[in-house]
Amino acid sequence: MANYLETLQPLIHANILTESEIYNYENDYLQQVFQRFFDFCSENLELNQADYHITPSHFYYANNYEINATAYQKDGRKLIAVNMGAIDKLWSFYEGKNAFFESPENEHYQGIAEHKHISATELLFQYTTLFFYYHEFGHLIQHNNDPNNFSLKENLIANESAENSLQKHIFEFDADWFAAGQLAFVLVEFYKDHDGHLYTTRENLSDLISLGLAAIFIYFVLTSDQFPQIYYQGRSHPHPYVRISYVLTFVMDTFQPNLPEGIDLNLQAILANAVLLSEHLLATNFGNPAMTFAGVFLEESESIEAYINAVIEASENYPELSRNKL
């Protein structure tokens, strides 16, 4: 277990970070949650940064309460910062859903998560935060040969506009592509033994994947309230409803070929179950944003598909993208 603040001291001494920028979770009631995620991200960066040519890279928590994350470079060092508010707010959201998984009809999800000694809500939380991390990792890959400083924030405010929005959407699309691929492998590896064999039932594996897809769906729906009207041009990020569409597709397209031979899953049934889970978990006394998404998606599905295809086609002209580098 790395000492968080000690790890960041060299960056402070080098004027890469200031103490006020860094969130110190030592006295936070979620101290163990922050520590576990920091351990994973810092170890993953250490293990993979040379292969992806993003050395040196660092991870820390930004002292900011918004659900947001950033990938940037400063004086030759690449950094991933996840706002402390992302951890706090997402944990609070999922902690309030424990009763759902304690009901007789849903308690089997607890058994699936307990394979890793966590609860179903912790599994959803962890999978959502992994999306943050891998998306920012994808941005670092895009800039692995870039000597200039850069900064790429996520989930910008609704009235934010951006010049060259198609180009910006292509780079966000690409970072989502990288994150989705990594998340697919997380699901595949969840139930594998040391020899690479699955030791679970097809039903359990299907339910696990549904939980993972639901976590992604919920994240984008939760952030879509900043963008009540769907759009295709303008702003620095594609609309969350567009991102939901291609991220879920990328995850499903990746894990099926990487399952052990003879394991075939009903992907459409898994996705339908994930959406159903999302609807239950997002429902409140004031409405259900998942149902709002469903209505918009039905109305806009052809336009969403056309825009995604346009982005995919245009992305072939950008060699710096992770999908083209890898």
Protein backbone atom coordinates (compact mmCIF):
# COMPACT_ATOMS: atom_id res chain seq x y z
CA MET A 1 0.00 0.00 0.00
CA ALA A 2 1.62 3.24 -1.17
CA ASN A 3 1.68 6.31 1.05
CA TYR A 4 -0.42 8.75 -0.92
CA LEU A 5 1.05 12.07 0.26
CA GLU A 6 4.64 10.81 0.28
CA THR A 7 4.22 9.65 -3.30
CA LEU A 8 3.18 13.16 -4.35
CA GLN A 9 5.89 15.08 -2.49
CA PRO A 10 8.39 14.98 -5.43
CA LEU A 11 5.72 16.58 -7.64
CA ILE A 12 5.21 19.35 -5.09
CA HIS A 13 8.96 19.96 -4.81
CA ALA A 14 9.20 20.14 -8.60
CA ASN A 15 6.35 22.70 -8.72
CA ILE A 16 4.20 20.31 -10.74
CA LEU A 17 1.51 20.32 -8.03
CA THR A 18 0.69 22.51 -5.06
CA GLU A 19 -0.58 21.23 -1.74
CA SER A 20 -3.85 23.12 -2.24
CA GLU A 21 -4.54 21.20 -5.48
CA ILE A 22 -4.26 17.81 -3.78
CA TYR A 23 -7.09 16.31 -1.77
CA ASN A 24 -5.82 14.71 1.43
CA TYR A 25 -8.25 11.92 2.33
CA GLU A 26 -6.47 10.93 5.54
CA ASN A 27 -9.40 11.98 7.75
CA ASP A 28 -12.16 11.29 5.23
CA TYR A 29 -14.76 8.69 6.26
CA LEU A 30 -14.07 7.06 2.87
CA GLN A 31 -10.33 6.90 3.54
CA GLN A 32 -10.12 3.20 2.67
CA VAL A 33 -12.10 3.70 -0.54
CA PHE A 34 -9.79 6.50 -1.65
CA GLN A 35 -6.72 4.46 -0.71
CA ARG A 36 -7.79 1.33 -2.60
CA PHE A 37 -8.50 3.28 -5.78
CA PHE A 38 -5.24 5.21 -5.46
CA ASP A 39 -3.32 1.95 -5.00
CA PHE A 40 -4.90 0.44 -8.09
CA CYS A 41 -4.33 3.48 -10.32
CA SER A 42 -0.78 4.21 -9.22
CA GLU A 43 0.22 0.53 -9.56
CA ASN A 44 -1.48 0.24 -12.94
CA LEU A 45 0.33 3.33 -14.21
CA GLU A 46 3.64 2.05 -12.90
CA LEU A 47 3.09 -1.30 -14.60
CA ASN A 48 1.94 0.02 -17.98
CA GLN A 49 3.40 3.48 -18.55
CA ALA A 50 6.53 2.24 -20.33
CA ASP A 51 4.55 0.05 -22.75
CA TYR A 52 2.30 2.97 -23.66
CA HIS A 53 5.16 5.50 -23.79
CA ILE A 54 3.65 7.76 -21.15
CA THR A 55 6.56 7.81 -18.71
CA PRO A 56 6.57 9.45 -16.21
CA SER A 57 2.88 9.35 -15.25
CA HIS A 58 1.21 10.06 -11.92
CA PHE A 59 -2.23 9.80 -10.31
CA TYR A 60 -3.78 11.96 -7.60
CA TYR A 61 -7.11 13.28 -6.27
CA ALA A 62 -7.94 16.88 -7.10
CA ASN A 63 -9.37 19.02 -4.33
CA ASN A 64 -12.63 19.67 -6.18
CA TYR A 65 -16.18 18.53 -5.39
CA GLU A 66 -17.47 18.19 -8.95
CA ILE A 67 -17.84 14.80 -10.62
CA ASN A 68 -14.96 15.31 -12.99
CA ALA A 69 -11.53 14.05 -13.97
CA THR A 70 -8.58 15.43 -15.91
CA ALA A 71 -5.68 14.18 -17.98
CA TYR A 72 -2.88 16.65 -18.52
CA GLN A 73 0.82 17.18 -19.00
CA LYS A 74 2.98 19.70 -17.19
CA ASP A 75 6.71 20.11 -17.66
CA GLY A 76 7.10 16.69 -19.22
CA ARG A 77 5.08 14.80 -16.61
CA LYS A 78 1.73 13.26 -17.46
CA LEU A 79 -0.97 13.25 -14.77
CA ILE A 80 -4.40 11.79 -14.18
CA ALA A 81 -6.49 13.64 -11.59
CA VAL A 82 -9.86 12.41 -10.37
CA ASN A 83 -11.85 14.93 -8.35
CA MET A 84 -12.54 13.91 -4.78
CA GLY A 85 -16.19 14.77 -5.45
CA ALA A 86 -16.42 12.00 -8.02
CA ILE A 87 -15.52 9.45 -5.36
CA ASP A 88 -17.70 10.98 -2.66
CA LYS A 89 -20.82 11.52 -4.76
CA LEU A 90 -20.75 8.20 -6.60
CA TRP A 91 -20.13 6.29 -3.36
CA SER A 92 -23.06 8.10 -1.73
CA PHE A 93 -25.30 7.33 -4.70
CA TYR A 94 -24.56 3.62 -4.70
CA GLU A 95 -24.54 3.28 -0.90
CA GLY A 96 -28.17 4.35 -1.00
CA LYS A 97 -29.02 1.39 -3.24
CA ASN A 98 -28.04 -1.41 -0.86
CA ALA A 99 -31.68 -2.22 -0.07
CA PHE A 100 -32.33 -3.00 -3.73
CA PHE A 101 -29.73 -5.78 -3.69
CA GLU A 102 -30.93 -7.11 -0.34
CA SER A 103 -34.37 -7.94 -1.74
CA PRO A 104 -34.99 -11.65 -2.50
CA GLU A 105 -35.31 -11.13 -6.26
CA ASN A 106 -31.96 -9.31 -6.51
CA GLU A 107 -29.82 -10.82 -3.76
CA HIS A 108 -28.09 -13.16 -6.25
CA TYR A 109 -26.11 -10.10 -7.43
CA GLN A 110 -24.56 -9.96 -3.97
CA GLY A 111 -23.27 -13.50 -4.40
CA ILE A 112 -21.64 -12.52 -7.70
CA ALA A 113 -19.87 -9.53 -6.15
CA GLU A 114 -18.80 -11.49 -3.07
CA HIS A 115 -16.49 -13.46 -5.33
CA LYS A 116 -14.21 -10.41 -4.90
CA HIS A 117 -15.26 -9.86 -1.26
CA ILE A 118 -17.29 -6.74 -2.05
CA SER A 119 -20.98 -5.86 -2.24
CA ALA A 120 -22.95 -5.39 -5.45
CA THR A 121 -23.03 -1.62 -4.90
CA GLU A 122 -19.25 -1.57 -4.38
CA LEU A 123 -18.85 -3.46 -7.65
CA LEU A 124 -20.94 -0.82 -9.44
CA PHE A 125 -18.96 1.98 -7.80
CA GLN A 126 -15.60 0.45 -8.66
CA TYR A 127 -16.57 -0.17 -12.26
CA THR A 128 -17.70 3.45 -12.67
CA THR A 129 -14.48 4.85 -11.23
CA LEU A 130 -12.43 2.52 -13.44
CA PHE A 131 -14.11 4.15 -16.42
CA PHE A 132 -12.80 7.53 -15.20
CA TYR A 133 -9.30 6.19 -14.89
CA TYR A 134 -9.10 4.33 -18.19
CA HIS A 135 -10.69 7.20 -20.13
CA GLU A 136 -7.98 9.56 -18.86
CA PHE A 137 -5.34 6.90 -19.58
CA GLY A 138 -6.58 6.89 -23.17
CA HIS A 139 -6.00 10.65 -23.38
CA LEU A 140 -2.41 10.19 -22.19
CA ILE A 141 -1.82 7.64 -24.95
CA GLN A 142 -3.08 10.14 -27.51
CA HIS A 143 -0.45 12.60 -26.32
CA ASN A 144 2.39 10.18 -25.64
CA ASN A 145 4.61 11.87 -28.24
CA ASP A 146 3.48 15.41 -27.42
CA PRO A 147 6.17 17.54 -25.70
CA ASN A 148 3.74 20.41 -25.05
CA ASN A 149 1.65 20.99 -21.95
CA PHE A 150 -2.04 20.11 -22.34
CA SER A 151 -5.13 19.71 -20.15
CA LEU A 152 -8.33 17.79 -20.94
CA LYS A 153 -11.19 18.06 -18.46
CA GLU A 154 -14.31 15.92 -18.53
CA ASN A 155 -18.02 16.72 -18.14
CA LEU A 156 -17.83 20.41 -18.83
CA ILE A 157 -20.76 22.65 -18.01
CA ALA A 158 -23.81 22.70 -20.22
CA ASN A 159 -23.28 26.14 -21.74
CA GLU A 160 -19.67 25.38 -22.60
CA SER A 161 -18.93 25.61 -26.31
CA ALA A 162 -15.96 24.45 -28.30
CA GLU A 163 -14.41 25.34 -31.60
CA ASN A 164 -13.46 22.38 -33.78
CA SER A 165 -16.03 20.31 -31.93
CA LEU A 166 -15.82 17.34 -34.33
CA GLN A 167 -12.12 16.98 -33.68
CA LYS A 168 -12.68 17.22 -29.93
CA HIS A 169 -15.49 14.66 -30.13
CA ILE A 170 -13.17 12.30 -32.03
CA PHE A 171 -10.58 12.44 -29.25
CA GLU A 172 -13.23 11.87 -26.58
CA PHE A 173 -14.68 9.02 -28.62
CA ASP A 174 -11.21 7.49 -28.80
CA ALA A 175 -10.59 7.78 -25.05
CA ASP A 176 -13.99 6.14 -24.48
CA TRP A 177 -12.98 3.37 -26.90
CA PHE A 178 -9.83 2.65 -24.90
CA ALA A 179 -11.71 2.71 -21.59
CA ALA A 180 -14.43 0.39 -22.90
CA GLY A 181 -11.86 -2.16 -24.05
CA GLN A 182 -10.13 -2.16 -20.67
CA LEU A 183 -13.46 -2.48 -18.85
CA ALA A 184 -14.39 -5.45 -21.02
CA PHE A 185 -11.21 -7.22 -19.95
CA VAL A 186 -12.03 -6.44 -16.30
CA LEU A 187 -15.29 -8.35 -16.72
CA VAL A 188 -13.63 -11.25 -18.53
CA GLU A 189 -10.94 -11.60 -15.86
CA PHE A 190 -13.33 -11.33 -12.90
CA TYR A 191 -14.14 -15.04 -12.84
CA LYS A 192 -10.96 -16.54 -14.30
CA ASP A 193 -8.62 -18.77 -12.33
CA HIS A 194 -4.81 -18.71 -12.56
CA ASP A 195 -4.90 -20.96 -15.60
CA GLY A 196 -7.24 -18.65 -17.47
CA HIS A 197 -10.31 -20.85 -17.12
CA LEU A 198 -13.70 -19.58 -16.07
CA TYR A 199 -15.10 -21.14 -12.91
CA THR A 200 -18.63 -19.86 -12.83
CA THR A 201 -21.98 -20.43 -14.47
CA ARG A 202 -23.06 -18.75 -17.68
CA GLU A 203 -25.89 -17.14 -15.70
CA ASN A 204 -23.51 -15.61 -13.15
CA LEU A 205 -21.23 -14.32 -15.89
CA SER A 206 -24.19 -12.77 -17.70
CA ASP A 207 -25.38 -11.05 -14.51
CA LEU A 208 -21.87 -9.78 -13.80
CA ILE A 209 -21.67 -8.21 -17.26
CA SER A 210 -25.12 -6.69 -16.76
CA LEU A 211 -23.86 -5.03 -13.57
CA GLY A 212 -20.84 -3.63 -15.40
CA LEU A 213 -22.92 -2.26 -18.26
CA ALA A 214 -25.43 -0.80 -15.79
CA ALA A 215 -22.62 1.07 -14.03
CA ILE A 216 -21.61 2.74 -17.30
CA PHE A 217 -25.22 3.48 -18.22
CA ILE A 218 -25.91 5.03 -14.80
CA TYR A 219 -22.80 7.21 -14.94
CA PHE A 220 -23.74 8.77 -18.26
CA VAL A 221 -27.38 9.26 -17.28
CA LEU A 222 -26.34 10.91 -14.01
CA THR A 223 -24.11 13.35 -15.89
CA SER A 224 -26.62 14.02 -18.67
CA ASP A 225 -28.64 16.46 -16.55
CA GLN A 226 -26.07 19.08 -17.53
CA PHE A 227 -27.16 18.59 -21.14
CA PRO A 228 -30.99 18.35 -21.20
CA GLN A 229 -31.18 18.70 -24.99
CA ILE A 230 -29.37 16.23 -27.20
CA TYR A 231 -26.85 17.80 -29.59
CA TYR A 232 -24.34 16.60 -32.20
CA GLN A 233 -22.18 19.62 -32.98
CA GLY A 234 -20.55 22.04 -30.58
CA ARG A 235 -19.14 21.59 -27.09
CA SER A 236 -16.01 19.66 -26.33
CA HIS A 237 -17.65 16.29 -25.58
CA PRO A 238 -20.30 14.25 -27.38
CA HIS A 239 -23.66 14.27 -25.62
CA PRO A 240 -23.81 11.62 -22.85
CA TYR A 241 -26.58 9.80 -24.72
CA VAL A 242 -24.28 9.43 -27.73
CA ARG A 243 -21.47 8.20 -25.49
CA ILE A 244 -23.74 5.64 -23.82
CA SER A 245 -24.51 4.17 -27.22
CA TYR A 246 -20.99 3.57 -28.39
CA VAL A 247 -19.39 2.74 -25.03
CA LEU A 248 -21.85 -0.08 -24.30
CA THR A 249 -21.34 -1.37 -27.84
CA PHE A 250 -17.55 -1.29 -27.49
CA VAL A 251 -17.65 -3.20 -24.19
CA MET A 252 -19.86 -5.93 -25.62
CA ASP A 253 -17.87 -6.16 -28.86
CA THR A 254 -14.64 -6.64 -26.90
CA PHE A 255 -15.45 -9.19 -24.23
CA GLN A 256 -17.24 -11.79 -26.36
CA PRO A 257 -14.14 -12.67 -28.52
CA ASN A 258 -12.02 -12.82 -25.36
CA LEU A 259 -14.14 -15.34 -23.50
CA PRO A 260 -12.83 -18.91 -23.31
CA GLU A 261 -13.79 -21.12 -26.21
CA GLY A 262 -17.31 -22.53 -25.97
CA ILE A 263 -18.70 -19.68 -23.85
CA ASP A 264 -21.46 -17.98 -25.81
CA LEU A 265 -23.63 -15.32 -24.21
CA ASN A 266 -26.87 -13.65 -25.21
CA LEU A 267 -25.56 -10.11 -25.47
CA GLN A 268 -28.92 -8.52 -26.24
CA ALA A 269 -30.46 -10.13 -23.14
CA ILE A 270 -27.50 -8.94 -21.06
CA LEU A 271 -27.89 -5.38 -22.32
CA ALA A 272 -31.65 -5.43 -21.72
CA ASN A 273 -31.05 -6.59 -18.16
CA ALA A 274 -28.43 -3.86 -17.65
CA VAL A 275 -30.91 -1.19 -18.76
CA LEU A 276 -33.56 -2.68 -16.46
CA LEU A 277 -31.15 -2.60 -13.53
CA SER A 278 -30.31 1.01 -14.35
CA GLU A 279 -33.97 1.99 -14.42
CA HIS A 280 -34.53 0.50 -10.96
CA LEU A 281 -31.42 2.08 -9.46
CA LEU A 282 -32.03 5.52 -10.96
CA ALA A 283 -35.72 5.73 -10.05
CA THR A 284 -36.65 8.38 -7.46
CA ASN A 285 -39.82 9.98 -6.18
CA PHE A 286 -39.21 12.78 -8.68
CA GLY A 287 -38.98 10.65 -11.81
CA ASN A 288 -36.67 8.30 -13.61
CA PRO A 289 -33.89 9.76 -15.79
CA ALA A 290 -33.28 6.34 -17.34
CA MET A 291 -36.79 6.41 -18.76
CA THR A 292 -36.13 9.91 -20.10
CA PHE A 293 -33.06 8.57 -21.85
CA ALA A 294 -35.04 5.70 -23.32
CA GLY A 295 -37.56 8.10 -24.83
CA VAL A 296 -34.90 10.37 -26.32
CA PHE A 297 -32.91 7.42 -27.61
CA LEU A 298 -35.91 5.99 -29.45
CA GLU A 299 -36.55 9.35 -31.09
CA GLU A 300 -32.91 10.03 -31.92
CA SER A 301 -31.52 6.52 -32.55
CA GLU A 302 -31.00 7.02 -36.29
CA SER A 303 -29.32 10.39 -35.80
CA ILE A 304 -27.13 8.99 -33.01
CA GLU A 305 -26.07 6.06 -35.18
CA ALA A 306 -25.33 8.34 -38.14
CA TYR A 307 -23.23 10.66 -36.00
CA ILE A 308 -21.26 7.80 -34.45
CA ASN A 309 -20.52 6.41 -37.92
CA ALA A 310 -19.34 9.85 -39.04
CA VAL A 311 -17.02 10.11 -36.04
CA ILE A 312 -15.63 6.61 -36.65
CA GLU A 313 -14.95 7.41 -40.30
CA ALA A 314 -13.29 10.74 -39.47
CA SER A 315 -11.16 9.15 -36.73
CA GLU A 316 -9.21 7.19 -39.34
CA ASN A 317 -7.45 10.43 -40.25
CA TYR A 318 -5.91 10.93 -36.79
CA PRO A 319 -2.84 8.71 -36.28
CA GLU A 320 -2.40 9.98 -32.71
CA LEU A 321 -5.57 8.26 -31.50
CA SER A 322 -5.14 5.24 -29.24
CA ARG A 323 -7.29 3.06 -31.56
CA ASN A 324 -4.89 3.86 -34.41
CA LYS A 325 -1.71 3.55 -32.34
CA LEU A 326 -2.74 0.24 -30.81
